[in-house]
Amino acid sequence: MEKDGKRILFLLGELLEFCDEDDKPVEIGLHIGKRPIFAAGNVKSGGDIAMLQYCQGNKYKSLQLMVNHDDAVREFAYAEPKRESLNAAEKYKWHVVSIKNDWQKVFAFDK
């Protein structure tokens, strides 16, 4: 929409797309028009596996990163019952970062 000679966007209080699992690569393709060279996902629901596989299929060198939320003290520890994301990371040789072991700081207010 245009207002006072400027193009503006409105944020609506509704969900236009639910972007998870196999829909993530589709949405990435629609929004950026090509495969990314970097993608990061979270261990939680297996919802980022397809996105990381899509990124890995790039003809250029690419980086896939899976964040393991394993620090119940500083953040939240949650895991998938069957370890789908971590198993995929091992199978496809993605980099896994452990919040518990690899992050000095989780939030800006951490000491």
C-alpha atoms as a PDB file:
ATOM      1  CA  MET A   1       0.000   0.000   0.000  1.00  0.00           C
ATOM      2  CA  GLU A   2       1.166   3.522  -0.634  1.00  0.00           C
ATOM      3  CA  LYS A   3       0.713   6.309   1.902  1.00  0.00           C
ATOM      4  CA  ASP A   4       2.047   9.853   1.549  1.00  0.00           C
ATOM      5  CA  GLY A   5       4.124   8.777  -1.456  1.00  0.00           C
ATOM      6  CA  LYS A   6       5.845   5.924   0.437  1.00  0.00           C
ATOM      7  CA  ARG A   7       5.369   2.194   0.166  1.00  0.00           C
ATOM      8  CA  ILE A   8       4.308   0.753   3.537  1.00  0.00           C
ATOM      9  CA  LEU A   9       3.605  -2.717   4.901  1.00  0.00           C
ATOM     10  CA  PHE A  10       1.000  -3.743   7.410  1.00  0.00           C
ATOM     11  CA  LEU A  11       1.539  -6.522   9.901  1.00  0.00           C
ATOM     12  CA  LEU A  12      -1.697  -8.409  10.221  1.00  0.00           C
ATOM     13  CA  GLY A  13      -2.746 -10.344  13.296  1.00  0.00           C
ATOM     14  CA  GLU A  14      -3.081 -13.566  11.344  1.00  0.00           C
ATOM     15  CA  LEU A  15      -0.842 -16.392  10.203  1.00  0.00           C
ATOM     16  CA  LEU A  16      -0.383 -16.377   6.427  1.00  0.00           C
ATOM     17  CA  GLU A  17       1.748 -19.516   6.188  1.00  0.00           C
ATOM     18  CA  PHE A  18       2.825 -22.159   8.660  1.00  0.00           C
ATOM     19  CA  CYS A  19       6.398 -22.751   7.641  1.00  0.00           C
ATOM     20  CA  ASP A  20       7.644 -26.042   9.073  1.00  0.00           C
ATOM     21  CA  GLU A  21       9.080 -29.348   7.927  1.00  0.00           C
ATOM     22  CA  ASP A  22       8.711 -29.890   4.157  1.00  0.00           C
ATOM     23  CA  ASP A  23       7.179 -26.424   3.705  1.00  0.00           C
ATOM     24  CA  LYS A  24      10.386 -24.637   4.776  1.00  0.00           C
ATOM     25  CA  PRO A  25      12.334 -25.257   1.546  1.00  0.00           C
ATOM     26  CA  VAL A  26       9.283 -24.185  -0.463  1.00  0.00           C
ATOM     27  CA  GLU A  27       8.998 -20.923   1.468  1.00  0.00           C
ATOM     28  CA  ILE A  28      12.749 -20.282   1.183  1.00  0.00           C
ATOM     29  CA  GLY A  29      12.538 -20.818  -2.561  1.00  0.00           C
ATOM     30  CA  LEU A  30       9.560 -18.486  -2.868  1.00  0.00           C
ATOM     31  CA  HIS A  31      11.116 -15.745  -0.759  1.00  0.00           C
ATOM     32  CA  ILE A  32      14.754 -15.734  -1.869  1.00  0.00           C
ATOM     33  CA  GLY A  33      14.511 -17.639  -5.130  1.00  0.00           C
ATOM     34  CA  LYS A  34      17.564 -19.837  -4.645  1.00  0.00           C
ATOM     35  CA  ARG A  35      19.120 -22.305  -2.248  1.00  0.00           C
ATOM     36  CA  PRO A  36      20.801 -20.702   0.732  1.00  0.00           C
ATOM     37  CA  ILE A  37      24.481 -21.300   1.433  1.00  0.00           C
ATOM     38  CA  PHE A  38      23.832 -21.196   5.209  1.00  0.00           C
ATOM     39  CA  ALA A  39      20.950 -22.569   7.237  1.00  0.00           C
ATOM     40  CA  ALA A  40      20.586 -23.053  10.989  1.00  0.00           C
ATOM     41  CA  GLY A  41      17.963 -25.164  12.678  1.00  0.00           C
ATOM     42  CA  ASN A  42      16.937 -26.189  16.167  1.00  0.00           C
ATOM     43  CA  VAL A  43      16.604 -29.554  17.828  1.00  0.00           C
ATOM     44  CA  LYS A  44      12.981 -29.703  18.895  1.00  0.00           C
ATOM     45  CA  SER A  45      10.431 -31.056  16.450  1.00  0.00           C
ATOM     46  CA  GLY A  46      12.410 -32.231  13.437  1.00  0.00           C
ATOM     47  CA  GLY A  47      10.934 -29.252  11.615  1.00  0.00           C
ATOM     48  CA  ASP A  48      14.269 -27.955  10.315  1.00  0.00           C
ATOM     49  CA  ILE A  49      15.616 -31.163   8.742  1.00  0.00           C
ATOM     50  CA  ALA A  50      14.152 -30.500   5.260  1.00  0.00           C
ATOM     51  CA  MET A  51      15.506 -26.930   5.295  1.00  0.00           C
ATOM     52  CA  LEU A  52      19.036 -28.097   6.112  1.00  0.00           C
ATOM     53  CA  GLN A  53      18.853 -30.825   3.448  1.00  0.00           C
ATOM     54  CA  TYR A  54      17.731 -28.214   0.921  1.00  0.00           C
ATOM     55  CA  CYS A  55      20.651 -25.968   1.841  1.00  0.00           C
ATOM     56  CA  GLN A  56      23.090 -28.870   1.598  1.00  0.00           C
ATOM     57  CA  GLY A  57      21.955 -29.534  -1.969  1.00  0.00           C
ATOM     58  CA  ASN A  58      23.470 -26.222  -3.059  1.00  0.00           C
ATOM     59  CA  LYS A  59      26.004 -26.405  -5.891  1.00  0.00           C
ATOM     60  CA  TYR A  60      28.211 -24.028  -3.883  1.00  0.00           C
ATOM     61  CA  LYS A  61      29.932 -24.721  -0.583  1.00  0.00           C
ATOM     62  CA  SER A  62      27.380 -24.432   2.179  1.00  0.00           C
ATOM     63  CA  LEU A  63      27.056 -24.662   5.949  1.00  0.00           C
ATOM     64  CA  GLN A  64      24.329 -26.437   7.883  1.00  0.00           C
ATOM     65  CA  LEU A  65      24.108 -25.848  11.622  1.00  0.00           C
ATOM     66  CA  MET A  66      21.898 -27.604  14.159  1.00  0.00           C
ATOM     67  CA  VAL A  67      21.506 -25.978  17.592  1.00  0.00           C
ATOM     68  CA  ASN A  68      21.075 -28.514  20.384  1.00  0.00           C
ATOM     69  CA  HIS A  69      18.991 -26.996  23.197  1.00  0.00           C
ATOM     70  CA  ASP A  70      20.539 -29.017  26.000  1.00  0.00           C
ATOM     71  CA  ASP A  71      21.045 -26.438  28.764  1.00  0.00           C
ATOM     72  CA  ALA A  72      18.197 -26.601  31.286  1.00  0.00           C
ATOM     73  CA  VAL A  73      19.981 -24.170  33.618  1.00  0.00           C
ATOM     74  CA  ARG A  74      20.548 -21.187  31.302  1.00  0.00           C
ATOM     75  CA  GLU A  75      17.858 -21.776  28.688  1.00  0.00           C
ATOM     76  CA  PHE A  76      15.586 -24.781  28.135  1.00  0.00           C
ATOM     77  CA  ALA A  77      16.557 -28.378  27.594  1.00  0.00           C
ATOM     78  CA  TYR A  78      14.290 -30.129  25.165  1.00  0.00           C
ATOM     79  CA  ALA A  79      14.882 -33.079  22.925  1.00  0.00           C
ATOM     80  CA  GLU A  80      12.961 -35.103  20.408  1.00  0.00           C
ATOM     81  CA  PRO A  81      11.971 -38.538  21.703  1.00  0.00           C
ATOM     82  CA  LYS A  82      13.618 -40.289  18.739  1.00  0.00           C
ATOM     83  CA  ARG A  83      16.425 -37.717  18.241  1.00  0.00           C
ATOM     84  CA  GLU A  84      15.338 -37.062  14.650  1.00  0.00           C
ATOM     85  CA  SER A  85      17.297 -33.828  14.239  1.00  0.00           C
ATOM     86  CA  LEU A  86      20.494 -35.092  15.874  1.00  0.00           C
ATOM     87  CA  ASN A  87      20.317 -38.332  13.893  1.00  0.00           C
ATOM     88  CA  ALA A  88      19.914 -36.347  10.658  1.00  0.00           C
ATOM     89  CA  ALA A  89      22.832 -34.100  11.650  1.00  0.00           C
ATOM     90  CA  GLU A  90      25.019 -37.158  12.163  1.00  0.00           C
ATOM     91  CA  LYS A  91      23.865 -38.803   8.936  1.00  0.00           C
ATOM     92  CA  TYR A  92      24.392 -35.721   6.761  1.00  0.00           C
ATOM     93  CA  LYS A  93      27.473 -34.470   8.638  1.00  0.00           C
ATOM     94  CA  TRP A  94      25.950 -31.158   9.740  1.00  0.00           C
ATOM     95  CA  HIS A  95      27.597 -29.096  12.451  1.00  0.00           C
ATOM     96  CA  VAL A  96      25.921 -29.408  15.857  1.00  0.00           C
ATOM     97  CA  VAL A  97      26.335 -26.702  18.476  1.00  0.00           C
ATOM     98  CA  SER A  98      25.496 -27.537  22.078  1.00  0.00           C
ATOM     99  CA  ILE A  99      24.142 -24.619  24.096  1.00  0.00           C
ATOM    100  CA  LYS A 100      25.390 -26.315  27.264  1.00  0.00           C
ATOM    101  CA  ASN A 101      28.935 -27.042  26.073  1.00  0.00           C
ATOM    102  CA  ASP A 102      29.645 -24.524  23.321  1.00  0.00           C
ATOM    103  CA  TRP A 103      28.004 -21.258  24.394  1.00  0.00           C
ATOM    104  CA  GLN A 104      29.604 -19.029  26.988  1.00  0.00           C
ATOM    105  CA  LYS A 105      26.567 -16.765  27.039  1.00  0.00           C
ATOM    106  CA  VAL A 106      22.960 -17.503  26.173  1.00  0.00           C
ATOM    107  CA  PHE A 107      21.285 -14.188  26.961  1.00  0.00           C
ATOM    108  CA  ALA A 108      22.759 -10.686  27.048  1.00  0.00           C
ATOM    109  CA  PHE A 109      22.092 -10.412  30.791  1.00  0.00           C
ATOM    110  CA  ASP A 110      24.080 -13.604  31.576  1.00  0.00           C
ATOM    111  CA  LYS A 111      27.210 -12.997  33.594  1.00  0.00           C
END
